[in-house]
Amino acid sequence: MEMPELLTEALERGASDVHLVVGQRPIYRINTELIPADFPEVTAEDAAKVVRDMVGTRRYAQFLRRRDLDFSTEVPGRGRFRVNAHFQRESVAIAFRAIPNSVPLLEALNLPPVVRTFTDLPRGLVLVTGETGAGKSTTLAAMIDAINHKYGYHVITVEDPIEYELVPDKCLIEQRELGSDVPSFASGLRHVLRQDPDIILVGEMRDLETTSAAITAAETGHLVLSTLHTQSAAQTVERIIDIYPAEQQNQIRTMLANTLQAVVSQTLFKRADQKGMIPAAEVLVCTSAVKACIRESRVFEIPNVIQTGKTKGMITLDQSIKTLFLNGFVGRADALAKANLRDSLNQAISA
């Protein structure tokens, strides 16, 4: 299996992902479609050797014990990939996610303009959410890059794995990777406050310990950026609260109301006007009304607050999708398929 050639071709063809599964030819995902590559079928020996060569003997032994491993790799001079190795039907399988060489400009991502203002926040918690592959890491990297060219802050990231390489400009930037630099998100966050950061990026708030440490860091005057695999702002707030034991949930509602600054919930669409992808985004800005909803356990009212919060920069997912459709960026079928209120959106875009 000639991986440099395979990954180079993937980059040249604009693939977002590459999949290696034993017994099948390598598969590219190009603009959401799965397309077989013109390479031989992957053997069990091929797949195992690819992982072993990329991570080394020690981490490969760890992979065999845990049956799952995240890491990154690169084709020198061409591009980088986030990689997940796992087992299926007792054989190794590998998923590669292409990462552009350079961080895109925040303005080029077609996100609501209010997202830019979140890079000027002095403290608090900003969350970017969405399903796997929704562009969360790209949005966070673009936000950090915007900060990097404007302010002289100390930025520390804890990532699994490091995706975009952030090149320091005005900021001092440290990027720490799980496995090689730090054993876990929670461990990295426990010690990060002793490292004099201004801004902390946490790749994912995936468990109670990490979530608690991230909120504490935001509470102590740092700007904390992170992600969750949730589909809306209200669901994000519920997920954070529900991760805590019942006896701590009143306390965390108060802490979250005090620290949460914004939630950007993304979903990606295949563009109808040209090749590529484009995000629709729900944006929650934590106004006093939102904070009251969180503190008083009225999270179910958050969608209504977003609906009426346009002057504060808030936007619902369906409003964002409608704008994309009216601008010719996405097709009707795709727009309606991902709408929260399909009938209402259909009526709005048919008027």
Protein backbone atom coordinates (compact mmCIF):
# COMPACT_ATOMS: atom_id res chain seq x y z
CA MET A 1 0.00 0.00 0.00
CA GLU A 2 1.72 3.17 -1.26
CA MET A 3 0.25 5.66 1.20
CA PRO A 4 2.06 8.82 0.01
CA GLU A 5 0.69 8.29 -3.51
CA LEU A 6 -2.80 7.47 -2.24
CA LEU A 7 -3.00 10.48 0.06
CA THR A 8 -1.46 12.80 -2.52
CA GLU A 9 -4.08 11.77 -5.07
CA ALA A 10 -6.79 12.30 -2.44
CA LEU A 11 -5.59 15.87 -1.91
CA GLU A 12 -5.34 16.53 -5.65
CA ARG A 13 -8.91 15.29 -6.20
CA GLY A 14 -10.26 17.41 -3.34
CA ALA A 15 -11.24 14.49 -1.11
CA SER A 16 -12.28 15.35 2.43
CA ASP A 17 -11.80 11.78 3.68
CA VAL A 18 -10.04 8.55 2.77
CA HIS A 19 -11.20 5.15 4.08
CA LEU A 20 -9.19 1.94 4.19
CA VAL A 21 -11.24 -1.20 4.88
CA VAL A 22 -9.85 -4.71 4.40
CA GLY A 23 -11.20 -6.45 1.29
CA GLN A 24 -12.13 -3.21 -0.48
CA ARG A 25 -10.32 -0.65 -2.60
CA PRO A 26 -9.51 2.62 -0.81
CA ILE A 27 -12.49 4.98 -0.81
CA TYR A 28 -12.43 8.77 -1.20
CA ARG A 29 -15.21 11.05 -0.01
CA ILE A 30 -15.44 13.92 -2.48
CA ASN A 31 -18.18 16.53 -1.93
CA THR A 32 -20.14 14.04 0.25
CA GLU A 33 -19.95 11.19 -2.32
CA LEU A 34 -17.99 7.95 -1.75
CA ILE A 35 -15.78 7.17 -4.75
CA PRO A 36 -13.46 4.11 -5.07
CA ALA A 37 -9.83 4.98 -5.70
CA ASP A 38 -7.84 3.35 -8.48
CA PHE A 39 -5.69 1.36 -6.05
CA PRO A 40 -5.65 -2.36 -5.16
CA GLU A 41 -7.89 -3.85 -2.48
CA VAL A 42 -6.62 -3.34 1.07
CA THR A 43 -5.30 -6.46 2.80
CA ALA A 44 -5.17 -7.05 6.56
CA GLU A 45 -1.39 -6.85 6.39
CA ASP A 46 -1.57 -3.55 4.48
CA ALA A 47 -3.86 -1.88 7.03
CA ALA A 48 -1.86 -3.04 10.04
CA LYS A 49 1.42 -1.94 8.47
CA VAL A 50 0.04 1.52 7.61
CA VAL A 51 -0.84 2.17 11.26
CA ARG A 52 2.37 0.67 12.64
CA ASP A 53 4.55 2.69 10.26
CA MET A 54 2.71 5.92 11.11
CA VAL A 55 2.64 5.70 14.92
CA GLY A 56 5.60 3.51 15.83
CA THR A 57 5.84 0.30 17.86
CA ARG A 58 4.87 1.74 21.28
CA ARG A 59 1.68 3.48 20.18
CA TYR A 60 0.78 0.54 17.92
CA ALA A 61 0.89 -1.74 20.98
CA GLN A 62 -1.39 0.76 22.73
CA PHE A 63 -3.73 0.64 19.73
CA LEU A 64 -3.90 -3.16 19.91
CA ARG A 65 -4.96 -2.92 23.56
CA ARG A 66 -7.47 -0.10 23.20
CA ARG A 67 -8.72 -1.07 19.70
CA ASP A 68 -8.96 2.62 18.71
CA LEU A 69 -6.36 5.35 18.14
CA ASP A 70 -6.45 8.98 16.98
CA PHE A 71 -3.34 10.59 15.51
CA SER A 72 -2.23 12.81 12.63
CA THR A 73 0.03 12.34 9.63
CA GLU A 74 1.22 14.41 6.70
CA VAL A 75 2.39 14.18 3.12
CA PRO A 76 5.42 16.51 3.22
CA GLY A 77 4.80 19.63 1.22
CA ARG A 78 1.26 18.59 0.30
CA GLY A 79 -1.02 18.41 3.34
CA ARG A 80 -1.96 16.86 6.67
CA PHE A 81 -4.56 14.34 7.80
CA ARG A 82 -6.35 13.59 11.04
CA VAL A 83 -6.43 9.81 11.37
CA ASN A 84 -8.55 7.32 13.29
CA ALA A 85 -7.46 3.68 13.32
CA HIS A 86 -9.96 1.13 14.60
CA PHE A 87 -11.02 -2.48 14.25
CA GLN A 88 -13.92 -3.90 12.25
CA ARG A 89 -14.54 -7.63 11.78
CA GLU A 90 -11.28 -8.29 13.64
CA SER A 91 -9.16 -6.36 11.14
CA VAL A 92 -7.68 -2.87 11.13
CA ALA A 93 -9.59 -0.08 9.36
CA ILE A 94 -8.45 3.52 8.96
CA ALA A 95 -10.24 6.82 8.35
CA PHE A 96 -8.24 9.86 7.18
CA ARG A 97 -9.65 13.41 7.31
CA ALA A 98 -7.82 15.93 5.12
CA ILE A 99 -6.70 19.14 6.81
CA PRO A 100 -5.82 22.13 4.61
CA ASN A 101 -2.25 23.39 4.82
CA SER A 102 -3.35 26.86 5.84
CA VAL A 103 -6.02 28.09 8.21
CA PRO A 104 -8.87 29.71 6.25
CA LEU A 105 -9.88 33.28 7.00
CA LEU A 106 -12.85 33.43 9.34
CA GLU A 107 -14.64 35.70 6.86
CA ALA A 108 -14.23 33.06 4.13
CA LEU A 109 -16.23 30.42 6.01
CA ASN A 110 -19.63 32.02 5.26
CA LEU A 111 -20.61 32.01 8.93
CA PRO A 112 -22.93 34.64 10.45
CA PRO A 113 -21.01 37.92 10.98
CA VAL A 114 -21.54 37.82 14.77
CA VAL A 115 -19.11 34.89 15.01
CA ARG A 116 -16.26 37.33 14.32
CA THR A 117 -17.15 39.29 17.47
CA PHE A 118 -16.54 36.21 19.62
CA THR A 119 -12.81 36.57 18.91
CA ASP A 120 -12.86 39.87 20.81
CA LEU A 121 -14.23 38.35 24.03
CA PRO A 122 -11.88 38.73 27.01
CA ARG A 123 -13.16 35.68 28.89
CA GLY A 124 -15.85 33.03 29.04
CA LEU A 125 -16.81 29.86 27.18
CA VAL A 126 -17.51 29.71 23.43
CA LEU A 127 -18.68 26.39 21.97
CA VAL A 128 -18.77 25.22 18.36
CA THR A 129 -21.01 22.19 17.95
CA GLY A 130 -22.30 19.85 15.27
CA GLU A 131 -22.00 16.34 13.93
CA THR A 132 -18.69 14.77 12.92
CA GLY A 133 -17.41 16.48 9.79
CA ALA A 134 -19.43 19.67 10.31
CA GLY A 135 -16.35 21.91 10.21
CA LYS A 136 -16.05 22.56 13.95
CA SER A 137 -12.24 22.32 13.99
CA THR A 138 -11.96 24.61 10.98
CA THR A 139 -14.13 27.26 12.64
CA LEU A 140 -12.12 27.11 15.87
CA ALA A 141 -8.80 27.31 14.00
CA ALA A 142 -10.05 30.31 12.01
CA MET A 143 -11.15 32.02 15.24
CA ILE A 144 -7.76 31.44 16.86
CA ASP A 145 -6.02 32.66 13.70
CA ALA A 146 -8.10 35.85 13.73
CA ILE A 147 -7.10 36.43 17.36
CA ASN A 148 -3.48 35.64 16.47
CA HIS A 149 -3.35 38.49 13.94
CA LYS A 150 -5.02 41.01 16.26
CA TYR A 151 -3.97 40.46 19.88
CA GLY A 152 -0.80 39.53 21.77
CA TYR A 153 -2.19 36.65 23.81
CA HIS A 154 -0.77 33.36 25.04
CA VAL A 155 -2.82 30.61 23.39
CA ILE A 156 -2.62 26.97 24.54
CA THR A 157 -4.49 24.23 22.68
CA VAL A 158 -5.13 20.64 23.77
CA GLU A 159 -6.10 18.60 20.72
CA ASP A 160 -6.75 14.98 19.72
CA PRO A 161 -4.88 15.11 17.39
CA ILE A 162 -3.42 18.47 16.37
CA GLU A 163 -5.13 19.38 13.12
CA TYR A 164 -4.25 22.84 11.81
CA GLU A 165 -0.73 24.02 12.51
CA LEU A 166 -1.16 27.52 13.94
CA VAL A 167 1.70 29.83 12.96
CA PRO A 168 2.36 32.49 15.64
CA ASP A 169 1.98 36.13 14.60
CA LYS A 170 1.12 38.42 17.52
CA CYS A 171 0.25 35.52 19.82
CA LEU A 172 2.45 33.00 21.58
CA ILE A 173 0.87 29.65 20.59
CA GLU A 174 1.46 26.23 22.13
CA GLN A 175 -0.28 23.18 20.65
CA ARG A 176 -0.40 20.02 22.76
CA GLU A 177 -1.50 16.67 21.35
CA LEU A 178 -3.11 13.84 23.29
CA GLY A 179 -0.86 10.82 23.48
CA SER A 180 2.42 12.50 22.62
CA ASP A 181 2.28 15.70 24.73
CA VAL A 182 -0.46 15.10 27.28
CA PRO A 183 -2.29 11.95 28.44
CA SER A 184 -5.86 13.32 28.35
CA PHE A 185 -7.92 16.48 27.88
CA ALA A 186 -8.68 16.55 31.59
CA SER A 187 -5.01 16.20 32.55
CA GLY A 188 -4.00 18.92 30.11
CA LEU A 189 -6.63 21.28 31.48
CA ARG A 190 -5.72 20.57 35.09
CA HIS A 191 -2.20 21.86 34.48
CA VAL A 192 -2.85 24.50 31.82
CA LEU A 193 -3.78 27.19 34.36
CA ARG A 194 -0.20 27.02 35.69
CA GLN A 195 1.14 27.84 32.22
CA ASP A 196 -0.08 31.46 32.10
CA PRO A 197 -2.60 31.16 29.24
CA ASP A 198 -4.96 33.87 28.06
CA ILE A 199 -6.89 31.62 25.67
CA ILE A 200 -7.41 27.88 25.91
CA LEU A 201 -8.67 25.68 23.09
CA VAL A 202 -9.97 22.26 24.15
CA GLY A 203 -10.49 19.91 21.23
CA GLU A 204 -13.63 18.37 22.73
CA MET A 205 -15.54 18.48 26.02
CA ARG A 206 -16.13 14.74 26.01
CA ASP A 207 -16.51 13.82 29.69
CA LEU A 208 -17.33 15.24 33.13
CA GLU A 209 -13.74 15.90 34.16
CA THR A 210 -12.90 17.79 30.96
CA THR A 211 -16.16 19.76 31.00
CA SER A 212 -15.69 20.73 34.62
CA ALA A 213 -12.09 21.86 34.03
CA ALA A 214 -13.09 23.89 30.95
CA ILE A 215 -15.88 25.70 32.81
CA THR A 216 -13.57 26.37 35.76
CA ALA A 217 -10.96 27.85 33.40
CA ALA A 218 -13.61 30.12 31.86
CA GLU A 219 -14.82 31.07 35.33
CA THR A 220 -11.32 32.13 36.37
CA GLY A 221 -11.05 34.75 33.61
CA HIS A 222 -9.81 32.86 30.54
CA LEU A 223 -11.39 32.61 27.11
CA VAL A 224 -12.06 28.92 26.49
CA LEU A 225 -13.02 27.56 23.07
CA SER A 226 -14.23 23.98 22.63
CA THR A 227 -16.56 21.62 20.76
CA LEU A 228 -19.40 19.20 21.46
CA HIS A 229 -21.19 16.71 19.23
CA THR A 230 -24.60 18.32 19.66
CA GLN A 231 -27.05 19.59 17.05
CA SER A 232 -28.39 22.80 18.60
CA ALA A 233 -27.66 25.40 21.26
CA ALA A 234 -30.41 24.13 23.56
CA GLN A 235 -29.18 20.55 23.21
CA THR A 236 -25.65 21.75 24.00
CA VAL A 237 -26.75 23.36 27.27
CA GLU A 238 -28.74 20.24 28.21
CA ARG A 239 -25.79 17.94 27.42
CA ILE A 240 -23.44 19.93 29.66
CA ILE A 241 -25.90 19.96 32.56
CA ASP A 242 -26.82 16.28 32.15
CA ILE A 243 -23.19 15.17 32.29
CA TYR A 244 -23.12 16.18 35.97
CA PRO A 245 -24.66 14.12 38.82
CA ALA A 246 -28.18 15.24 39.76
CA GLU A 247 -27.04 16.76 43.05
CA GLN A 248 -24.60 19.09 41.22
CA GLN A 249 -26.87 20.24 38.41
CA ASN A 250 -28.24 23.35 40.14
CA GLN A 251 -24.69 24.49 40.79
CA ILE A 252 -23.56 23.86 37.21
CA ARG A 253 -26.57 25.77 35.84
CA THR A 254 -25.37 28.83 37.73
CA MET A 255 -21.74 28.35 36.66
CA LEU A 256 -22.73 27.81 33.03
CA ALA A 257 -25.02 30.85 33.04
CA ASN A 258 -22.10 32.93 34.33
CA THR A 259 -19.48 31.64 31.86
CA LEU A 260 -21.17 30.67 28.59
CA GLN A 261 -20.78 33.42 26.00
CA ALA A 262 -21.98 31.82 22.76
CA VAL A 263 -22.83 28.59 20.96
CA VAL A 264 -22.37 28.11 17.21
CA SER A 265 -24.10 24.93 15.97
CA GLN A 266 -22.99 24.02 12.45
CA THR A 267 -24.08 21.66 9.70
CA LEU A 268 -22.43 21.36 6.29
CA PHE A 269 -24.15 21.40 2.91
CA LYS A 270 -22.91 20.38 -0.51
CA ARG A 271 -22.83 23.57 -2.57
CA ALA A 272 -25.25 23.85 -5.48
CA ASP A 273 -23.44 26.73 -7.19
CA GLN A 274 -19.91 25.29 -7.31
CA LYS A 275 -17.78 22.47 -5.95
CA GLY A 276 -17.28 22.38 -2.22
CA MET A 277 -19.17 22.63 1.04
CA ILE A 278 -20.80 25.48 2.93
CA PRO A 279 -22.06 25.68 6.54
CA ALA A 280 -25.42 26.69 7.92
CA ALA A 281 -25.21 27.75 11.56
CA GLU A 282 -27.48 28.39 14.49
CA VAL A 283 -25.98 31.06 16.75
CA LEU A 284 -26.85 31.61 20.40
CA VAL A 285 -25.51 34.74 22.11
CA CYS A 286 -25.76 34.54 25.88
CA THR A 287 -27.83 37.59 26.74
CA SER A 288 -29.39 38.13 30.16
CA ALA A 289 -32.52 36.33 28.90
CA VAL A 290 -30.50 33.28 27.89
CA LYS A 291 -28.62 33.26 31.19
CA ALA A 292 -31.96 33.30 33.04
CA CYS A 293 -33.17 30.35 30.97
CA ILE A 294 -30.08 28.36 31.91
CA ARG A 295 -30.08 29.36 35.58
CA GLU A 296 -33.80 28.71 36.07
CA SER A 297 -33.91 25.38 34.18
CA ARG A 298 -35.92 26.81 31.27
CA VAL A 299 -33.62 25.56 28.52
CA PHE A 300 -36.68 24.65 26.43
CA GLU A 301 -37.23 28.40 25.91
CA ILE A 302 -33.82 28.96 24.27
CA PRO A 303 -35.08 28.29 20.68
CA ASN A 304 -37.68 31.05 21.13
CA VAL A 305 -35.03 33.43 22.45
CA ILE A 306 -32.86 32.74 19.39
CA GLN A 307 -35.86 33.26 17.11
CA THR A 308 -36.44 36.75 18.51
CA GLY A 309 -32.79 37.67 19.08
CA LYS A 310 -31.84 38.85 15.58
CA THR A 311 -30.75 42.28 16.81
CA LYS A 312 -28.21 40.56 19.11
CA GLY A 313 -26.76 38.59 16.19
CA MET A 314 -28.66 35.38 16.92
CA ILE A 315 -29.94 33.21 14.10
CA THR A 316 -31.82 29.93 13.94
CA LEU A 317 -30.61 27.05 11.79
CA ASP A 318 -33.63 27.38 9.50
CA GLN A 319 -33.02 31.10 9.04
CA SER A 320 -29.41 30.32 8.10
CA ILE A 321 -30.50 27.60 5.66
CA LYS A 322 -33.06 29.96 4.11
CA THR A 323 -30.34 32.53 3.44
CA LEU A 324 -28.12 29.90 1.80
CA PHE A 325 -31.00 28.75 -0.41
CA LEU A 326 -32.06 32.25 -1.46
CA ASN A 327 -28.44 33.02 -2.42
CA GLY A 328 -28.32 29.91 -4.58
CA PHE A 329 -25.71 28.17 -2.42
CA VAL A 330 -27.78 25.06 -1.62
CA GLY A 331 -30.57 23.18 -3.38
CA ARG A 332 -34.16 22.95 -2.17
CA ALA A 333 -34.05 19.23 -1.35
CA ASP A 334 -30.88 19.57 0.72
CA ALA A 335 -32.23 22.67 2.48
CA LEU A 336 -35.46 20.96 3.51
CA ALA A 337 -33.72 17.71 4.50
CA LYS A 338 -31.74 19.42 7.27
CA ALA A 339 -34.35 21.93 8.43
CA ASN A 340 -35.67 21.78 11.97
CA LEU A 341 -39.16 22.88 10.86
CA ARG A 342 -39.40 21.54 7.34
CA ASP A 343 -42.94 22.74 6.54
CA SER A 344 -42.23 26.24 7.79
CA LEU A 345 -39.00 26.51 5.81
CA ASN A 346 -40.69 25.13 2.71
CA GLN A 347 -43.32 27.83 3.00
CA ALA A 348 -40.70 30.52 3.60
CA ILE A 349 -38.59 29.65 0.56
CA SER A 350 -41.64 29.18 -1.66
CA ALA A 351 -43.08 32.63 -0.98
